[in-house]
């Protein structure tokens, strides 16, 4: 499975998972089938709120899943429409979250758990 993590800084499996998908400075993509790690800069970081194009942000790279601290409903629906699973990252590092995914212990996002916007000081995730 190819899993993408939005991250604060590019540090491989030690990268800290970023709280928002679209505005993350970079991404780490882990392929759990062949044990590879790829780091990329966010090509769509400065999009207008609500206009995130998740796959554009990944530079067209294909992934099976994304793990993030928070995500808006629009981005979640776009990803689900493309068959991409979205996990709720619950621990700091990419490596820790990978372990939880492989153990089937990381929850998936649904619309009830998404970020409602940034009016009034930010998300409540």
N, C-alpha and C. Protein backbone atom coordinates (compact mmCIF):
# COMPACT_ATOMS: atom_id res chain seq x y z
N UNK A 1 0.85 -1.18 0.00
CA UNK A 1 0.00 0.00 0.00
C UNK A 1 0.90 1.24 0.00
N UNK A 2 0.56 2.21 -0.85
CA UNK A 2 1.27 3.49 -0.88
C UNK A 2 0.47 4.49 -0.04
N UNK A 3 1.09 4.95 1.05
CA UNK A 3 0.43 5.83 2.01
C UNK A 3 1.15 7.17 2.04
N UNK A 4 0.40 8.24 1.90
CA UNK A 4 0.94 9.60 1.90
C UNK A 4 0.68 10.26 3.25
N UNK A 5 1.71 10.95 3.75
CA UNK A 5 1.60 11.71 4.99
C UNK A 5 1.98 13.15 4.73
N UNK A 6 1.10 14.11 5.03
CA UNK A 6 1.51 15.52 4.99
C UNK A 6 2.41 15.75 6.21
N UNK A 7 3.53 16.44 6.01
CA UNK A 7 4.50 16.59 7.10
C UNK A 7 4.99 18.03 7.22
N UNK A 8 5.51 18.35 8.41
CA UNK A 8 6.07 19.68 8.67
C UNK A 8 7.42 19.84 7.98
N UNK A 9 8.28 18.84 8.15
CA UNK A 9 9.61 18.84 7.52
C UNK A 9 9.87 17.45 6.97
N UNK A 10 10.69 17.38 5.94
CA UNK A 10 10.98 16.11 5.28
C UNK A 10 12.11 15.39 6.03
N UNK A 11 11.72 14.41 6.85
CA UNK A 11 12.68 13.65 7.65
C UNK A 11 12.36 12.15 7.59
N UNK A 12 11.89 11.69 6.44
CA UNK A 12 11.59 10.27 6.28
C UNK A 12 10.58 9.77 7.29
N UNK A 13 10.82 8.58 7.84
CA UNK A 13 9.89 7.98 8.80
C UNK A 13 9.82 8.75 10.11
N UNK A 14 10.81 9.61 10.38
CA UNK A 14 10.80 10.42 11.60
C UNK A 14 10.04 11.73 11.43
N UNK A 15 9.55 12.01 10.23
CA UNK A 15 8.80 13.25 9.98
C UNK A 15 7.58 13.32 10.87
N UNK A 16 7.30 14.54 11.36
CA UNK A 16 6.11 14.76 12.17
C UNK A 16 4.92 15.02 11.24
N UNK A 17 3.83 14.29 11.47
CA UNK A 17 2.63 14.44 10.64
C UNK A 17 2.01 15.81 10.88
N UNK A 18 1.69 16.50 9.78
CA UNK A 18 1.11 17.84 9.83
C UNK A 18 -0.38 17.74 10.12
N UNK A 19 -0.94 18.77 10.71
CA UNK A 19 -2.35 18.76 11.11
C UNK A 19 -3.34 18.95 9.98
N UNK A 20 -2.91 19.54 8.87
CA UNK A 20 -3.83 19.78 7.75
C UNK A 20 -3.22 19.24 6.47
N UNK A 21 -4.02 18.62 5.65
CA UNK A 21 -3.51 18.02 4.42
C UNK A 21 -3.03 19.06 3.42
N UNK A 22 -3.91 19.95 3.00
CA UNK A 22 -3.61 20.84 1.88
C UNK A 22 -2.52 21.85 2.11
N UNK A 23 -2.32 22.29 3.36
CA UNK A 23 -1.35 23.34 3.62
C UNK A 23 -0.03 22.81 4.17
N UNK A 24 0.18 21.51 4.14
CA UNK A 24 1.43 20.93 4.63
C UNK A 24 2.60 21.36 3.75
N UNK A 25 3.74 21.65 4.34
CA UNK A 25 4.92 22.02 3.55
C UNK A 25 5.43 20.89 2.65
N UNK A 26 5.23 19.65 3.07
CA UNK A 26 5.73 18.54 2.27
C UNK A 26 4.95 17.26 2.54
N UNK A 27 5.33 16.22 1.80
CA UNK A 27 4.67 14.92 1.94
C UNK A 27 5.71 13.82 1.96
N UNK A 28 5.44 12.80 2.74
CA UNK A 28 6.23 11.57 2.73
C UNK A 28 5.30 10.47 2.24
N UNK A 29 5.73 9.75 1.22
CA UNK A 29 4.95 8.63 0.69
C UNK A 29 5.70 7.34 1.01
N UNK A 30 5.04 6.46 1.76
CA UNK A 30 5.63 5.19 2.15
C UNK A 30 4.94 4.08 1.38
N UNK A 31 5.72 3.23 0.74
CA UNK A 31 5.18 2.05 0.07
C UNK A 31 5.47 0.87 0.98
N UNK A 32 4.43 0.37 1.64
CA UNK A 32 4.62 -0.71 2.61
C UNK A 32 4.87 -2.06 1.95
N UNK A 33 4.58 -2.17 0.65
CA UNK A 33 4.81 -3.44 -0.05
C UNK A 33 6.29 -3.64 -0.39
N UNK A 34 6.97 -2.55 -0.75
CA UNK A 34 8.37 -2.68 -1.14
C UNK A 34 9.31 -1.90 -0.22
N UNK A 35 8.77 -1.38 0.88
CA UNK A 35 9.55 -0.69 1.91
C UNK A 35 10.38 0.47 1.37
N UNK A 36 9.71 1.40 0.67
CA UNK A 36 10.39 2.60 0.19
C UNK A 36 9.75 3.84 0.80
N UNK A 37 10.53 4.90 0.86
CA UNK A 37 10.08 6.19 1.38
C UNK A 37 10.46 7.26 0.36
N UNK A 38 9.47 8.07 -0.04
CA UNK A 38 9.70 9.16 -0.98
C UNK A 38 9.27 10.47 -0.32
N UNK A 39 10.07 11.52 -0.49
CA UNK A 39 9.76 12.83 0.06
C UNK A 39 9.51 13.81 -1.08
N UNK A 40 8.46 14.63 -0.96
CA UNK A 40 8.18 15.63 -1.98
C UNK A 40 7.69 16.92 -1.32
N UNK A 41 7.94 18.04 -1.99
CA UNK A 41 7.41 19.32 -1.54
C UNK A 41 5.98 19.46 -2.01
N UNK A 42 5.17 20.21 -1.28
CA UNK A 42 3.76 20.43 -1.63
C UNK A 42 3.66 21.40 -2.80
N UNK A 43 3.17 20.92 -3.94
CA UNK A 43 3.03 21.74 -5.13
C UNK A 43 1.77 22.58 -5.16
N UNK A 44 0.92 22.47 -4.13
CA UNK A 44 -0.35 23.21 -4.10
C UNK A 44 -0.58 23.81 -2.72
N UNK A 45 0.52 24.17 -2.04
CA UNK A 45 0.43 24.62 -0.65
C UNK A 45 -0.36 25.91 -0.47
N UNK A 46 -0.34 26.79 -1.45
CA UNK A 46 -0.97 28.11 -1.28
C UNK A 46 -2.31 28.21 -1.99
N UNK A 47 -3.09 27.16 -1.93
CA UNK A 47 -4.42 27.17 -2.54
C UNK A 47 -5.39 27.97 -1.68
N UNK A 48 -6.47 28.42 -2.27
CA UNK A 48 -7.51 29.11 -1.51
C UNK A 48 -8.23 28.10 -0.63
N UNK A 49 -8.65 28.54 0.56
CA UNK A 49 -9.35 27.64 1.47
C UNK A 49 -10.56 27.01 0.77
N UNK A 50 -10.66 25.72 0.88
CA UNK A 50 -11.76 24.99 0.26
C UNK A 50 -11.49 24.61 -1.18
N UNK A 51 -10.34 24.99 -1.71
CA UNK A 51 -10.02 24.71 -3.11
C UNK A 51 -8.87 23.72 -3.26
N UNK A 52 -8.60 22.98 -2.21
CA UNK A 52 -7.52 22.00 -2.23
C UNK A 52 -7.76 20.97 -3.32
N UNK A 53 -6.72 20.70 -4.09
CA UNK A 53 -6.76 19.64 -5.09
C UNK A 53 -5.75 18.59 -4.64
N UNK A 54 -6.20 17.62 -3.85
CA UNK A 54 -5.27 16.70 -3.20
C UNK A 54 -4.26 16.03 -4.12
N UNK A 55 -4.67 15.56 -5.26
CA UNK A 55 -3.74 14.87 -6.13
C UNK A 55 -2.76 15.85 -6.77
N UNK A 56 -3.20 17.08 -7.06
CA UNK A 56 -2.30 18.11 -7.57
C UNK A 56 -1.19 18.37 -6.56
N UNK A 57 -1.54 18.41 -5.28
CA UNK A 57 -0.56 18.65 -4.24
C UNK A 57 0.51 17.57 -4.22
N UNK A 58 0.18 16.37 -4.69
CA UNK A 58 1.14 15.25 -4.70
C UNK A 58 1.91 15.17 -6.01
N UNK A 59 1.75 16.15 -6.86
CA UNK A 59 2.47 16.15 -8.12
C UNK A 59 2.08 14.99 -9.02
N UNK A 60 0.83 14.52 -8.89
CA UNK A 60 0.34 13.45 -9.74
C UNK A 60 0.71 12.05 -9.28
N UNK A 61 1.42 11.93 -8.19
CA UNK A 61 1.78 10.60 -7.69
C UNK A 61 0.54 9.86 -7.23
N UNK A 62 0.50 8.57 -7.49
CA UNK A 62 -0.65 7.76 -7.08
C UNK A 62 -0.41 7.18 -5.69
N UNK A 63 -1.45 7.25 -4.86
CA UNK A 63 -1.39 6.67 -3.52
C UNK A 63 -2.68 5.91 -3.26
N UNK A 64 -2.59 4.98 -2.33
CA UNK A 64 -3.76 4.20 -1.92
C UNK A 64 -4.45 4.80 -0.71
N UNK A 65 -3.66 5.55 0.09
CA UNK A 65 -4.20 6.10 1.33
C UNK A 65 -3.42 7.34 1.73
N UNK A 66 -4.05 8.13 2.59
CA UNK A 66 -3.44 9.32 3.18
C UNK A 66 -3.69 9.23 4.68
N UNK A 67 -2.70 9.63 5.47
CA UNK A 67 -2.87 9.69 6.92
C UNK A 67 -2.53 11.11 7.36
N UNK A 68 -3.46 11.76 8.06
CA UNK A 68 -3.33 13.17 8.40
C UNK A 68 -4.02 13.45 9.72
N UNK A 69 -3.59 14.52 10.40
CA UNK A 69 -4.23 14.91 11.65
C UNK A 69 -5.61 15.50 11.44
N UNK A 70 -5.79 16.27 10.36
CA UNK A 70 -7.08 16.89 10.08
C UNK A 70 -7.24 17.12 8.59
N UNK A 71 -8.48 17.12 8.13
CA UNK A 71 -8.76 17.31 6.72
C UNK A 71 -10.17 17.87 6.57
N UNK A 72 -10.38 18.72 5.59
CA UNK A 72 -11.70 19.29 5.33
C UNK A 72 -12.60 18.29 4.61
N UNK A 73 -13.89 18.53 4.71
CA UNK A 73 -14.86 17.64 4.08
C UNK A 73 -14.67 17.57 2.58
N UNK A 74 -14.42 18.71 1.93
CA UNK A 74 -14.25 18.73 0.48
C UNK A 74 -13.08 17.87 0.03
N UNK A 75 -11.94 18.02 0.69
CA UNK A 75 -10.76 17.21 0.34
C UNK A 75 -11.03 15.73 0.61
N UNK A 76 -11.68 15.44 1.73
CA UNK A 76 -11.99 14.04 2.05
C UNK A 76 -12.88 13.42 0.97
N UNK A 77 -13.90 14.15 0.56
CA UNK A 77 -14.82 13.62 -0.46
C UNK A 77 -14.10 13.42 -1.80
N UNK A 78 -13.21 14.36 -2.17
CA UNK A 78 -12.45 14.22 -3.41
C UNK A 78 -11.56 12.97 -3.36
N UNK A 79 -10.93 12.76 -2.23
CA UNK A 79 -10.07 11.58 -2.10
C UNK A 79 -10.88 10.30 -2.14
N UNK A 80 -11.98 10.26 -1.39
CA UNK A 80 -12.84 9.06 -1.40
C UNK A 80 -13.37 8.77 -2.80
N UNK A 81 -13.72 9.82 -3.56
CA UNK A 81 -14.23 9.63 -4.92
C UNK A 81 -13.18 8.99 -5.83
N UNK A 82 -11.92 9.16 -5.48
CA UNK A 82 -10.84 8.56 -6.26
C UNK A 82 -10.38 7.23 -5.68
N UNK A 83 -11.11 6.73 -4.69
CA UNK A 83 -10.79 5.44 -4.10
C UNK A 83 -9.64 5.46 -3.12
N UNK A 84 -9.32 6.65 -2.59
CA UNK A 84 -8.21 6.79 -1.65
C UNK A 84 -8.74 6.79 -0.22
N UNK A 85 -8.22 5.90 0.59
CA UNK A 85 -8.59 5.84 2.00
C UNK A 85 -7.90 6.97 2.75
N UNK A 86 -8.56 7.50 3.81
CA UNK A 86 -7.98 8.60 4.58
C UNK A 86 -8.00 8.21 6.06
N UNK A 87 -6.79 8.03 6.61
CA UNK A 87 -6.64 7.65 8.01
C UNK A 87 -6.43 8.88 8.88
N UNK A 88 -6.89 8.79 10.11
CA UNK A 88 -6.70 9.86 11.10
C UNK A 88 -5.41 9.57 11.87
N UNK A 89 -4.34 10.28 11.52
CA UNK A 89 -3.06 10.09 12.20
C UNK A 89 -3.22 10.48 13.67
N UNK A 90 -2.88 9.57 14.55
CA UNK A 90 -3.11 9.80 15.98
C UNK A 90 -1.83 9.94 16.78
N UNK A 91 -0.68 9.69 16.18
CA UNK A 91 0.60 9.84 16.85
C UNK A 91 1.49 10.74 15.98
N UNK A 92 2.60 11.18 16.53
CA UNK A 92 3.42 12.20 15.88
C UNK A 92 4.11 11.80 14.59
N UNK A 93 4.82 10.70 14.57
CA UNK A 93 5.69 10.43 13.43
C UNK A 93 5.05 9.54 12.36
N UNK A 94 5.59 9.66 11.16
CA UNK A 94 5.15 8.82 10.04
C UNK A 94 5.34 7.35 10.41
N UNK A 95 6.51 7.01 10.93
CA UNK A 95 6.81 5.62 11.28
C UNK A 95 5.83 5.03 12.29
N UNK A 96 5.48 5.81 13.31
CA UNK A 96 4.52 5.33 14.32
C UNK A 96 3.15 5.09 13.70
N UNK A 97 2.72 5.98 12.82
CA UNK A 97 1.42 5.82 12.17
C UNK A 97 1.42 4.65 11.19
N UNK A 98 2.53 4.42 10.50
CA UNK A 98 2.64 3.26 9.62
C UNK A 98 2.42 1.98 10.42
N UNK A 99 3.08 1.89 11.56
CA UNK A 99 2.92 0.70 12.41
C UNK A 99 1.45 0.49 12.77
N UNK A 100 0.74 1.56 13.15
CA UNK A 100 -0.66 1.44 13.52
C UNK A 100 -1.53 1.02 12.32
N UNK A 101 -1.22 1.54 11.13
CA UNK A 101 -1.97 1.14 9.94
C UNK A 101 -1.78 -0.34 9.66
N UNK A 102 -0.53 -0.79 9.71
CA UNK A 102 -0.25 -2.20 9.44
C UNK A 102 -0.89 -3.13 10.47
N UNK A 103 -1.03 -2.64 11.69
CA UNK A 103 -1.70 -3.42 12.76
C UNK A 103 -3.22 -3.26 12.71
N UNK A 104 -3.71 -2.47 11.74
CA UNK A 104 -5.14 -2.17 11.59
C UNK A 104 -5.71 -1.47 12.84
N UNK A 105 -4.90 -0.58 13.41
CA UNK A 105 -5.29 0.15 14.61
C UNK A 105 -5.36 1.66 14.42
N UNK A 106 -5.40 2.13 13.17
CA UNK A 106 -5.53 3.56 12.92
C UNK A 106 -6.90 3.82 12.31
N UNK A 107 -7.71 4.68 12.93
CA UNK A 107 -9.07 4.90 12.42
C UNK A 107 -9.07 5.66 11.10
N UNK A 108 -10.12 5.46 10.31
CA UNK A 108 -10.30 6.20 9.08
C UNK A 108 -11.23 7.38 9.31
N UNK A 109 -10.98 8.48 8.60
CA UNK A 109 -11.85 9.65 8.67
C UNK A 109 -13.18 9.36 8.01
N UNK A 110 -14.22 9.97 8.55
CA UNK A 110 -15.49 10.07 7.83
C UNK A 110 -15.92 11.53 7.94
N UNK A 111 -16.94 11.91 7.24
CA UNK A 111 -17.35 13.32 7.15
C UNK A 111 -17.64 13.94 8.51
N UNK A 112 -18.06 13.17 9.48
CA UNK A 112 -18.38 13.72 10.80
C UNK A 112 -17.14 14.18 11.55
N UNK A 113 -15.96 13.72 11.15
CA UNK A 113 -14.73 14.04 11.87
C UNK A 113 -13.86 15.06 11.16
N UNK A 114 -14.36 15.66 10.08
CA UNK A 114 -13.53 16.57 9.31
C UNK A 114 -13.48 17.97 9.90
N UNK A 115 -12.53 18.73 9.40
CA UNK A 115 -12.34 20.11 9.80
C UNK A 115 -13.45 20.97 9.20
N UNK A 116 -14.09 21.77 10.02
CA UNK A 116 -15.23 22.57 9.55
C UNK A 116 -14.81 23.94 9.03
N UNK A 117 -13.53 24.25 9.05
CA UNK A 117 -13.08 25.55 8.58
C UNK A 117 -12.25 26.25 9.60
N UNK A 118 -11.84 27.47 9.29
CA UNK A 118 -10.92 28.18 10.16
C UNK A 118 -11.51 29.46 10.73
N UNK A 119 -12.78 29.70 10.54
CA UNK A 119 -13.41 30.89 11.11
C UNK A 119 -13.39 30.79 12.62
N UNK A 120 -13.08 31.86 13.29
CA UNK A 120 -13.11 31.87 14.74
C UNK A 120 -11.95 31.16 15.38
N UNK A 121 -10.81 31.04 14.69
CA UNK A 121 -9.62 30.54 15.37
C UNK A 121 -9.15 29.17 14.98
N UNK A 122 -9.79 28.48 14.07
CA UNK A 122 -9.23 27.22 13.62
C UNK A 122 -10.13 26.02 13.85
N UNK A 123 -9.61 24.88 13.51
CA UNK A 123 -10.35 23.63 13.63
C UNK A 123 -10.36 23.15 15.07
N UNK A 124 -11.23 22.25 15.31
CA UNK A 124 -11.32 21.67 16.64
C UNK A 124 -10.84 20.21 16.65
N UNK A 125 -10.08 19.79 15.64
CA UNK A 125 -9.67 18.38 15.61
C UNK A 125 -8.60 18.11 16.61
